[in-house]
Amino acid sequence: MVASSQVSSIKITPEMVEYIKARSSDLRVATTCEGPLIFPVRISPSKPTDLVIQVGERRVYISLVQARFIKTINADMLPRCALEKKRKC
């Protein structure tokens, strides 16, 4: 089990705080073959074991598997499709 102090030790970059707040749903950091990526919960539903960080009106769920290793939530966790949309704007 991950202690609540683990949640407070995970930082979120300012760029990602803006990204998270601008979303229309909560997000989840999930385990993928490419490493930890952040998805809307409709794509990667939250689990009862996830850690939760409140960011404005949004919640970011973090997979218990990933929570042990994550120190910072940053743009490297965005799926490629999100990065492609961002570049076109």
PDB file of N, CA and C in Angstrom:
ATOM      1  N   MET A   1       0.841  -1.186   0.000  1.00  0.00           N
ATOM      2  CA  MET A   1       0.000   0.000   0.000  1.00  0.00           C
ATOM      3  C   MET A   1       0.886   1.249   0.000  1.00  0.00           C
ATOM      4  N   VAL A   2       0.435   2.281  -0.723  1.00  0.00           N
ATOM      5  CA  VAL A   2       1.183   3.530  -0.821  1.00  0.00           C
ATOM      6  C   VAL A   2       0.619   4.507   0.193  1.00  0.00           C
ATOM      7  N   ALA A   3       1.477   5.118   0.960  1.00  0.00           N
ATOM      8  CA  ALA A   3       1.056   6.067   1.992  1.00  0.00           C
ATOM      9  C   ALA A   3       0.544   7.350   1.363  1.00  0.00           C
ATOM     10  N   SER A   4      -0.304   8.060   2.105  1.00  0.00           N
ATOM     11  CA  SER A   4      -0.835   9.327   1.592  1.00  0.00           C
ATOM     12  C   SER A   4       0.277  10.340   1.358  1.00  0.00           C
ATOM     13  N   SER A   5       1.388  10.192   2.059  1.00  0.00           N
ATOM     14  CA  SER A   5       2.524  11.089   1.831  1.00  0.00           C
ATOM     15  C   SER A   5       3.075  10.904   0.416  1.00  0.00           C
ATOM     16  N   GLN A   6       2.852   9.724  -0.168  1.00  0.00           N
ATOM     17  CA  GLN A   6       3.281   9.460  -1.544  1.00  0.00           C
ATOM     18  C   GLN A   6       2.576  10.414  -2.500  1.00  0.00           C
ATOM     19  N   VAL A   7       1.276  10.649  -2.279  1.00  0.00           N
ATOM     20  CA  VAL A   7       0.517  11.555  -3.139  1.00  0.00           C
ATOM     21  C   VAL A   7       1.105  12.951  -3.071  1.00  0.00           C
ATOM     22  N   SER A   8       1.396  13.442  -1.878  1.00  0.00           N
ATOM     23  CA  SER A   8       1.916  14.797  -1.739  1.00  0.00           C
ATOM     24  C   SER A   8       3.330  14.941  -2.287  1.00  0.00           C
ATOM     25  N   SER A   9       4.041  13.839  -2.447  1.00  0.00           N
ATOM     26  CA  SER A   9       5.395  13.924  -2.982  1.00  0.00           C
ATOM     27  C   SER A   9       5.414  13.909  -4.509  1.00  0.00           C
ATOM     28  N   ILE A  10       4.289  13.606  -5.144  1.00  0.00           N
ATOM     29  CA  ILE A  10       4.215  13.619  -6.608  1.00  0.00           C
ATOM     30  C   ILE A  10       3.918  15.041  -7.061  1.00  0.00           C
ATOM     31  N   LYS A  11       4.797  15.588  -7.876  1.00  0.00           N
ATOM     32  CA  LYS A  11       4.653  16.954  -8.383  1.00  0.00           C
ATOM     33  C   LYS A  11       4.002  16.923  -9.762  1.00  0.00           C
ATOM     34  N   ILE A  12       3.393  18.040 -10.140  1.00  0.00           N
ATOM     35  CA  ILE A  12       2.807  18.194 -11.465  1.00  0.00           C
ATOM     36  C   ILE A  12       3.383  19.464 -12.067  1.00  0.00           C
ATOM     37  N   THR A  13       3.942  19.362 -13.261  1.00  0.00           N
ATOM     38  CA  THR A  13       4.525  20.543 -13.894  1.00  0.00           C
ATOM     39  C   THR A  13       3.430  21.570 -14.192  1.00  0.00           C
ATOM     40  N   PRO A  14       3.771  22.862 -14.216  1.00  0.00           N
ATOM     41  CA  PRO A  14       2.769  23.898 -14.511  1.00  0.00           C
ATOM     42  C   PRO A  14       2.040  23.665 -15.836  1.00  0.00           C
ATOM     43  N   GLU A  15       2.777  23.223 -16.852  1.00  0.00           N
ATOM     44  CA  GLU A  15       2.166  22.931 -18.159  1.00  0.00           C
ATOM     45  C   GLU A  15       1.088  21.852 -18.027  1.00  0.00           C
ATOM     46  N   MET A  16       1.362  20.833 -17.237  1.00  0.00           N
ATOM     47  CA  MET A  16       0.391  19.752 -17.065  1.00  0.00           C
ATOM     48  C   MET A  16      -0.780  20.177 -16.183  1.00  0.00           C
ATOM     49  N   VAL A  17      -0.547  21.064 -15.223  1.00  0.00           N
ATOM     50  CA  VAL A  17      -1.661  21.590 -14.423  1.00  0.00           C
ATOM     51  C   VAL A  17      -2.649  22.284 -15.362  1.00  0.00           C
ATOM     52  N   GLU A  18      -2.153  23.101 -16.281  1.00  0.00           N
ATOM     53  CA  GLU A  18      -3.008  23.775 -17.258  1.00  0.00           C
ATOM     54  C   GLU A  18      -3.739  22.758 -18.125  1.00  0.00           C
ATOM     55  N   TYR A  19      -3.024  21.745 -18.599  1.00  0.00           N
ATOM     56  CA  TYR A  19      -3.615  20.698 -19.439  1.00  0.00           C
ATOM     57  C   TYR A  19      -4.742  19.988 -18.694  1.00  0.00           C
ATOM     58  N   ILE A  20      -4.488  19.597 -17.455  1.00  0.00           N
ATOM     59  CA  ILE A  20      -5.469  18.862 -16.652  1.00  0.00           C
ATOM     60  C   ILE A  20      -6.703  19.713 -16.395  1.00  0.00           C
ATOM     61  N   LYS A  21      -6.505  20.969 -16.024  1.00  0.00           N
ATOM     62  CA  LYS A  21      -7.631  21.863 -15.740  1.00  0.00           C
ATOM     63  C   LYS A  21      -8.484  22.125 -16.977  1.00  0.00           C
ATOM     64  N   ALA A  22      -7.876  22.082 -18.159  1.00  0.00           N
ATOM     65  CA  ALA A  22      -8.596  22.353 -19.401  1.00  0.00           C
ATOM     66  C   ALA A  22      -9.384  21.144 -19.916  1.00  0.00           C
ATOM     67  N   ARG A  23      -9.173  19.991 -19.346  1.00  0.00           N
ATOM     68  CA  ARG A  23      -9.880  18.784 -19.794  1.00  0.00           C
ATOM     69  C   ARG A  23     -11.332  18.809 -19.329  1.00  0.00           C
ATOM     70  N   SER A  24     -12.156  18.054 -20.019  1.00  0.00           N
ATOM     71  CA  SER A  24     -13.577  17.974 -19.661  1.00  0.00           C
ATOM     72  C   SER A  24     -13.882  16.770 -18.779  1.00  0.00           C
ATOM     73  N   SER A  25     -12.844  16.020 -18.421  1.00  0.00           N
ATOM     74  CA  SER A  25     -13.057  14.862 -17.540  1.00  0.00           C
ATOM     75  C   SER A  25     -11.826  14.651 -16.663  1.00  0.00           C
ATOM     76  N   ASP A  26     -11.990  13.774 -15.688  1.00  0.00           N
ATOM     77  CA  ASP A  26     -10.859  13.395 -14.850  1.00  0.00           C
ATOM     78  C   ASP A  26      -9.889  12.568 -15.688  1.00  0.00           C
ATOM     79  N   LEU A  27      -8.655  12.446 -15.201  1.00  0.00           N
ATOM     80  CA  LEU A  27      -7.610  11.729 -15.927  1.00  0.00           C
ATOM     81  C   LEU A  27      -7.019  10.629 -15.065  1.00  0.00           C
ATOM     82  N   ARG A  28      -6.325   9.705 -15.716  1.00  0.00           N
ATOM     83  CA  ARG A  28      -5.662   8.622 -14.982  1.00  0.00           C
ATOM     84  C   ARG A  28      -4.294   8.361 -15.584  1.00  0.00           C
ATOM     85  N   VAL A  29      -3.290   8.247 -14.727  1.00  0.00           N
ATOM     86  CA  VAL A  29      -1.955   7.825 -15.148  1.00  0.00           C
ATOM     87  C   VAL A  29      -1.961   6.301 -15.076  1.00  0.00           C
ATOM     88  N   ALA A  30      -1.813   5.695 -16.238  1.00  0.00           N
ATOM     89  CA  ALA A  30      -1.899   4.241 -16.344  1.00  0.00           C
ATOM     90  C   ALA A  30      -0.599   3.646 -16.861  1.00  0.00           C
ATOM     91  N   THR A  31      -0.454   2.361 -16.647  1.00  0.00           N
ATOM     92  CA  THR A  31       0.705   1.619 -17.118  1.00  0.00           C
ATOM     93  C   THR A  31       0.457   1.186 -18.561  1.00  0.00           C
ATOM     94  N   THR A  32       1.410   1.487 -19.437  1.00  0.00           N
ATOM     95  CA  THR A  32       1.329   1.037 -20.827  1.00  0.00           C
ATOM     96  C   THR A  32       2.681   0.461 -21.229  1.00  0.00           C
ATOM     97  N   CYS A  33       2.721  -0.121 -22.414  1.00  0.00           N
ATOM     98  CA  CYS A  33       4.001  -0.659 -22.895  1.00  0.00           C
ATOM     99  C   CYS A  33       5.008   0.462 -23.163  1.00  0.00           C
ATOM    100  N   GLU A  34       4.528   1.701 -23.295  1.00  0.00           N
ATOM    101  CA  GLU A  34       5.409   2.860 -23.499  1.00  0.00           C
ATOM    102  C   GLU A  34       5.773   3.541 -22.190  1.00  0.00           C
ATOM    103  N   GLY A  35       5.335   2.968 -21.075  1.00  0.00           N
ATOM    104  CA  GLY A  35       5.566   3.568 -19.772  1.00  0.00           C
ATOM    105  C   GLY A  35       4.301   4.229 -19.268  1.00  0.00           C
ATOM    106  N   PRO A  36       4.394   5.063 -18.237  1.00  0.00           N
ATOM    107  CA  PRO A  36       3.196   5.703 -17.705  1.00  0.00           C
ATOM    108  C   PRO A  36       2.681   6.788 -18.648  1.00  0.00           C
ATOM    109  N   LEU A  37       1.386   6.697 -18.985  1.00  0.00           N
ATOM    110  CA  LEU A  37       0.746   7.704 -19.828  1.00  0.00           C
ATOM    111  C   LEU A  37      -0.525   8.170 -19.146  1.00  0.00           C
ATOM    112  N   ILE A  38      -0.954   9.391 -19.463  1.00  0.00           N
ATOM    113  CA  ILE A  38      -2.150   9.966 -18.849  1.00  0.00           C
ATOM    114  C   ILE A  38      -3.289   9.973 -19.871  1.00  0.00           C
ATOM    115  N   PHE A  39      -4.428   9.425 -19.445  1.00  0.00           N
ATOM    116  CA  PHE A  39      -5.599   9.281 -20.313  1.00  0.00           C
ATOM    117  C   PHE A  39      -6.841   9.798 -19.599  1.00  0.00           C
ATOM    118  N   PRO A  40      -7.884  10.157 -20.374  1.00  0.00           N
ATOM    119  CA  PRO A  40      -9.181  10.429 -19.744  1.00  0.00           C
ATOM    120  C   PRO A  40      -9.691   9.130 -19.091  1.00  0.00           C
ATOM    121  N   VAL A  41     -10.463   9.266 -18.026  1.00  0.00           N
ATOM    122  CA  VAL A  41     -10.957   8.068 -17.334  1.00  0.00           C
ATOM    123  C   VAL A  41     -11.920   7.254 -18.191  1.00  0.00           C
ATOM    124  N   ARG A  42     -12.484   7.822 -19.236  1.00  0.00           N
ATOM    125  CA  ARG A  42     -13.340   7.024 -20.124  1.00  0.00           C
ATOM    126  C   ARG A  42     -12.508   6.024 -20.923  1.00  0.00           C
ATOM    127  N   ILE A  43     -11.235   6.305 -21.118  1.00  0.00           N
ATOM    128  CA  ILE A  43     -10.336   5.384 -21.821  1.00  0.00           C
ATOM    129  C   ILE A  43      -9.658   4.444 -20.838  1.00  0.00           C
ATOM    130  N   SER A  44      -9.237   4.974 -19.716  1.00  0.00           N
ATOM    131  CA  SER A  44      -8.578   4.173 -18.678  1.00  0.00           C
ATOM    132  C   SER A  44      -9.295   4.438 -17.351  1.00  0.00           C
ATOM    133  N   PRO A  45     -10.357   3.686 -17.076  1.00  0.00           N
ATOM    134  CA  PRO A  45     -11.152   3.936 -15.862  1.00  0.00           C
ATOM    135  C   PRO A  45     -10.327   3.818 -14.581  1.00  0.00           C
ATOM    136  N   SER A  46     -10.704   4.627 -13.600  1.00  0.00           N
ATOM    137  CA  SER A  46     -10.008   4.576 -12.318  1.00  0.00           C
ATOM    138  C   SER A  46     -10.311   3.264 -11.611  1.00  0.00           C
ATOM    139  N   LYS A  47      -9.415   2.908 -10.695  1.00  0.00           N
ATOM    140  CA  LYS A  47      -9.568   1.691  -9.902  1.00  0.00           C
ATOM    141  C   LYS A  47      -9.606   2.081  -8.426  1.00  0.00           C
ATOM    142  N   PRO A  48     -10.238   1.258  -7.598  1.00  0.00           N
ATOM    143  CA  PRO A  48     -10.311   1.577  -6.170  1.00  0.00           C
ATOM    144  C   PRO A  48      -8.941   1.719  -5.497  1.00  0.00           C
ATOM    145  N   THR A  49      -7.921   1.119  -6.082  1.00  0.00           N
ATOM    146  CA  THR A  49      -6.581   1.165  -5.486  1.00  0.00           C
ATOM    147  C   THR A  49      -5.774   2.382  -5.929  1.00  0.00           C
ATOM    148  N   ASP A  50      -6.288   3.173  -6.880  1.00  0.00           N
ATOM    149  CA  ASP A  50      -5.557   4.334  -7.387  1.00  0.00           C
ATOM    150  C   ASP A  50      -5.376   5.402  -6.319  1.00  0.00           C
ATOM    151  N   LEU A  51      -4.255   6.109  -6.409  1.00  0.00           N
ATOM    152  CA  LEU A  51      -4.064   7.326  -5.633  1.00  0.00           C
ATOM    153  C   LEU A  51      -4.799   8.439  -6.366  1.00  0.00           C
ATOM    154  N   VAL A  52      -5.233   9.460  -5.641  1.00  0.00           N
ATOM    155  CA  VAL A  52      -5.981  10.544  -6.268  1.00  0.00           C
ATOM    156  C   VAL A  52      -5.353  11.882  -5.884  1.00  0.00           C
ATOM    157  N   ILE A  53      -5.121  12.717  -6.905  1.00  0.00           N
ATOM    158  CA  ILE A  53      -4.635  14.081  -6.695  1.00  0.00           C
ATOM    159  C   ILE A  53      -5.688  15.020  -7.282  1.00  0.00           C
ATOM    160  N   GLN A  54      -6.104  15.994  -6.511  1.00  0.00           N
ATOM    161  CA  GLN A  54      -7.063  16.995  -6.969  1.00  0.00           C
ATOM    162  C   GLN A  54      -6.304  18.122  -7.657  1.00  0.00           C
ATOM    163  N   VAL A  55      -6.725  18.478  -8.876  1.00  0.00           N
ATOM    164  CA  VAL A  55      -6.124  19.581  -9.632  1.00  0.00           C
ATOM    165  C   VAL A  55      -7.273  20.465 -10.092  1.00  0.00           C
ATOM    166  N   GLY A  56      -7.508  21.552  -9.391  1.00  0.00           N
ATOM    167  CA  GLY A  56      -8.675  22.378  -9.692  1.00  0.00           C
ATOM    168  C   GLY A  56      -9.927  21.547  -9.487  1.00  0.00           C
ATOM    169  N   GLU A  57     -10.786  21.518 -10.487  1.00  0.00           N
ATOM    170  CA  GLU A  57     -12.010  20.716 -10.415  1.00  0.00           C
ATOM    171  C   GLU A  57     -11.799  19.280 -10.889  1.00  0.00           C
ATOM    172  N   ARG A  58     -10.638  18.976 -11.381  1.00  0.00           N
ATOM    173  CA  ARG A  58     -10.342  17.641 -11.922  1.00  0.00           C
ATOM    174  C   ARG A  58      -9.613  16.781 -10.908  1.00  0.00           C
ATOM    175  N   ARG A  59      -9.775  15.493 -11.078  1.00  0.00           N
ATOM    176  CA  ARG A  59      -9.016  14.516 -10.290  1.00  0.00           C
ATOM    177  C   ARG A  59      -8.072  13.789 -11.238  1.00  0.00           C
ATOM    178  N   VAL A  60      -6.891  13.530 -10.737  1.00  0.00           N
ATOM    179  CA  VAL A  60      -5.928  12.708 -11.473  1.00  0.00           C
ATOM    180  C   VAL A  60      -5.742  11.436 -10.645  1.00  0.00           C
ATOM    181  N   TYR A  61      -6.127  10.324 -11.244  1.00  0.00           N
ATOM    182  CA  TYR A  61      -5.958   9.023 -10.602  1.00  0.00           C
ATOM    183  C   TYR A  61      -4.610   8.469 -11.046  1.00  0.00           C
ATOM    184  N   ILE A  62      -3.901   7.877 -10.129  1.00  0.00           N
ATOM    185  CA  ILE A  62      -2.585   7.323 -10.452  1.00  0.00           C
ATOM    186  C   ILE A  62      -2.581   5.851 -10.097  1.00  0.00           C
ATOM    187  N   SER A  63      -2.289   5.038 -11.079  1.00  0.00           N
ATOM    188  CA  SER A  63      -2.201   3.595 -10.871  1.00  0.00           C
ATOM    189  C   SER A  63      -1.263   3.297  -9.713  1.00  0.00           C
ATOM    190  N   LEU A  64      -1.677   2.401  -8.839  1.00  0.00           N
ATOM    191  CA  LEU A  64      -0.848   2.015  -7.702  1.00  0.00           C
ATOM    192  C   LEU A  64       0.501   1.481  -8.174  1.00  0.00           C
ATOM    193  N   VAL A  65       0.494   0.790  -9.315  1.00  0.00           N
ATOM    194  CA  VAL A  65       1.747   0.274  -9.877  1.00  0.00           C
ATOM    195  C   VAL A  65       2.685   1.427 -10.202  1.00  0.00           C
ATOM    196  N   GLN A  66       2.169   2.486 -10.821  1.00  0.00           N
ATOM    197  CA  GLN A  66       2.994   3.624 -11.221  1.00  0.00           C
ATOM    198  C   GLN A  66       3.340   4.551 -10.059  1.00  0.00           C
ATOM    199  N   ALA A  67       2.464   4.635  -9.076  1.00  0.00           N
ATOM    200  CA  ALA A  67       2.655   5.583  -7.969  1.00  0.00           C
ATOM    201  C   ALA A  67       3.975   5.388  -7.244  1.00  0.00           C
ATOM    202  N   ARG A  68       4.458   4.190  -7.219  1.00  0.00           N
ATOM    203  CA  ARG A  68       5.729   3.918  -6.522  1.00  0.00           C
ATOM    204  C   ARG A  68       6.921   4.537  -7.238  1.00  0.00           C
ATOM    205  N   PHE A  69       6.772   4.771  -8.534  1.00  0.00           N
ATOM    206  CA  PHE A  69       7.904   5.212  -9.347  1.00  0.00           C
ATOM    207  C   PHE A  69       7.816   6.660  -9.824  1.00  0.00           C
ATOM    208  N   ILE A  70       6.622   7.232  -9.821  1.00  0.00           N
ATOM    209  CA  ILE A  70       6.425   8.577 -10.367  1.00  0.00           C
ATOM    210  C   ILE A  70       6.816   9.639  -9.344  1.00  0.00           C
ATOM    211  N   LYS A  71       7.625  10.580  -9.801  1.00  0.00           N
ATOM    212  CA  LYS A  71       7.966  11.734  -8.973  1.00  0.00           C
ATOM    213  C   LYS A  71       7.299  12.993  -9.523  1.00  0.00           C
ATOM    214  N   THR A  72       7.117  13.027 -10.856  1.00  0.00           N
ATOM    215  CA  THR A  72       6.542  14.200 -11.514  1.00  0.00           C
ATOM    216  C   THR A  72       5.623  13.772 -12.645  1.00  0.00           C
ATOM    217  N   ILE A  73       4.461  14.397 -12.714  1.00  0.00           N
ATOM    218  CA  ILE A  73       3.570  14.223 -13.860  1.00  0.00           C
ATOM    219  C   ILE A  73       3.921  15.352 -14.820  1.00  0.00           C
ATOM    220  N   ASN A  74       4.396  14.971 -16.007  1.00  0.00           N
ATOM    221  CA  ASN A  74       4.826  15.971 -16.983  1.00  0.00           C
ATOM    222  C   ASN A  74       4.341  15.613 -18.378  1.00  0.00           C
ATOM    223  N   ALA A  75       4.650  16.459 -19.353  1.00  0.00           N
ATOM    224  CA  ALA A  75       4.163  16.291 -20.726  1.00  0.00           C
ATOM    225  C   ALA A  75       4.655  15.000 -21.375  1.00  0.00           C
ATOM    226  N   ASP A  76       5.704  14.390 -20.849  1.00  0.00           N
ATOM    227  CA  ASP A  76       6.169  13.111 -21.392  1.00  0.00           C
ATOM    228  C   ASP A  76       5.117  12.018 -21.226  1.00  0.00           C
ATOM    229  N   MET A  77       4.136  12.238 -20.353  1.00  0.00           N
ATOM    230  CA  MET A  77       3.100  11.246 -20.101  1.00  0.00           C
ATOM    231  C   MET A  77       1.893  11.403 -21.021  1.00  0.00           C
ATOM    232  N   LEU A  78       1.912  12.413 -21.877  1.00  0.00           N
ATOM    233  CA  LEU A  78       0.812  12.581 -22.823  1.00  0.00           C
ATOM    234  C   LEU A  78       0.945  11.560 -23.951  1.00  0.00           C
ATOM    235  N   PRO A  79      -0.159  10.917 -24.331  1.00  0.00           N
ATOM    236  CA  PRO A  79      -0.098  10.002 -25.480  1.00  0.00           C
ATOM    237  C   PRO A  79       0.275  10.774 -26.744  1.00  0.00           C
ATOM    238  N   ARG A  80       0.837  10.106 -27.688  1.00  0.00           N
ATOM    239  CA  ARG A  80       1.282  10.760 -28.927  1.00  0.00           C
ATOM    240  C   ARG A  80       0.160  11.522 -29.615  1.00  0.00           C
ATOM    241  N   CYS A  81      -1.073  10.978 -29.593  1.00  0.00           N
ATOM    242  CA  CYS A  81      -2.180  11.655 -30.273  1.00  0.00           C
ATOM    243  C   CYS A  81      -2.445  13.025 -29.647  1.00  0.00           C
ATOM    244  N   ALA A  82      -2.302  13.164 -28.335  1.00  0.00           N
ATOM    245  CA  ALA A  82      -2.487  14.453 -27.669  1.00  0.00           C
ATOM    246  C   ALA A  82      -1.382  15.418 -28.070  1.00  0.00           C
ATOM    247  N   LEU A  83      -0.173  14.911 -28.200  1.00  0.00           N
ATOM    248  CA  LEU A  83       0.951  15.761 -28.609  1.00  0.00           C
ATOM    249  C   LEU A  83       0.767  16.245 -30.036  1.00  0.00           C
ATOM    250  N   GLU A  84       0.269  15.377 -30.911  1.00  0.00           N
ATOM    251  CA  GLU A  84       0.045  15.780 -32.315  1.00  0.00           C
ATOM    252  C   GLU A  84      -1.003  16.883 -32.398  1.00  0.00           C
ATOM    253  N   LYS A  85      -2.083  16.762 -31.654  1.00  0.00           N
ATOM    254  CA  LYS A  85      -3.121  17.805 -31.652  1.00  0.00           C
ATOM    255  C   LYS A  85      -2.541  19.117 -31.139  1.00  0.00           C
ATOM    256  N   LYS A  86      -1.715  19.064 -30.113  1.00  0.00           N
ATOM    257  CA  LYS A  86      -1.129  20.262 -29.520  1.00  0.00           C
ATOM    258  C   LYS A  86      -0.234  20.985 -30.528  1.00  0.00           C
ATOM    259  N   ARG A  87       0.516  20.249 -31.310  1.00  0.00           N
ATOM    260  CA  ARG A  87       1.432  20.853 -32.292  1.00  0.00           C
ATOM    261  C   ARG A  87       0.674  21.547 -33.422  1.00  0.00           C
ATOM    262  N   LYS A  88      -0.508  21.014 -33.764  1.00  0.00           N
ATOM    263  CA  LYS A  88      -1.303  21.584 -34.870  1.00  0.00           C
ATOM    264  C   LYS A  88      -1.992  22.866 -34.469  1.00  0.00           C
ATOM    265  N   CYS A  89      -2.133  23.130 -33.172  1.00  0.00           N
ATOM    266  CA  CYS A  89      -2.848  24.334 -32.712  1.00  0.00           C
ATOM    267  C   CYS A  89      -2.010  25.579 -32.892  1.00  0.00           C
TER     268      CYS A  89
END
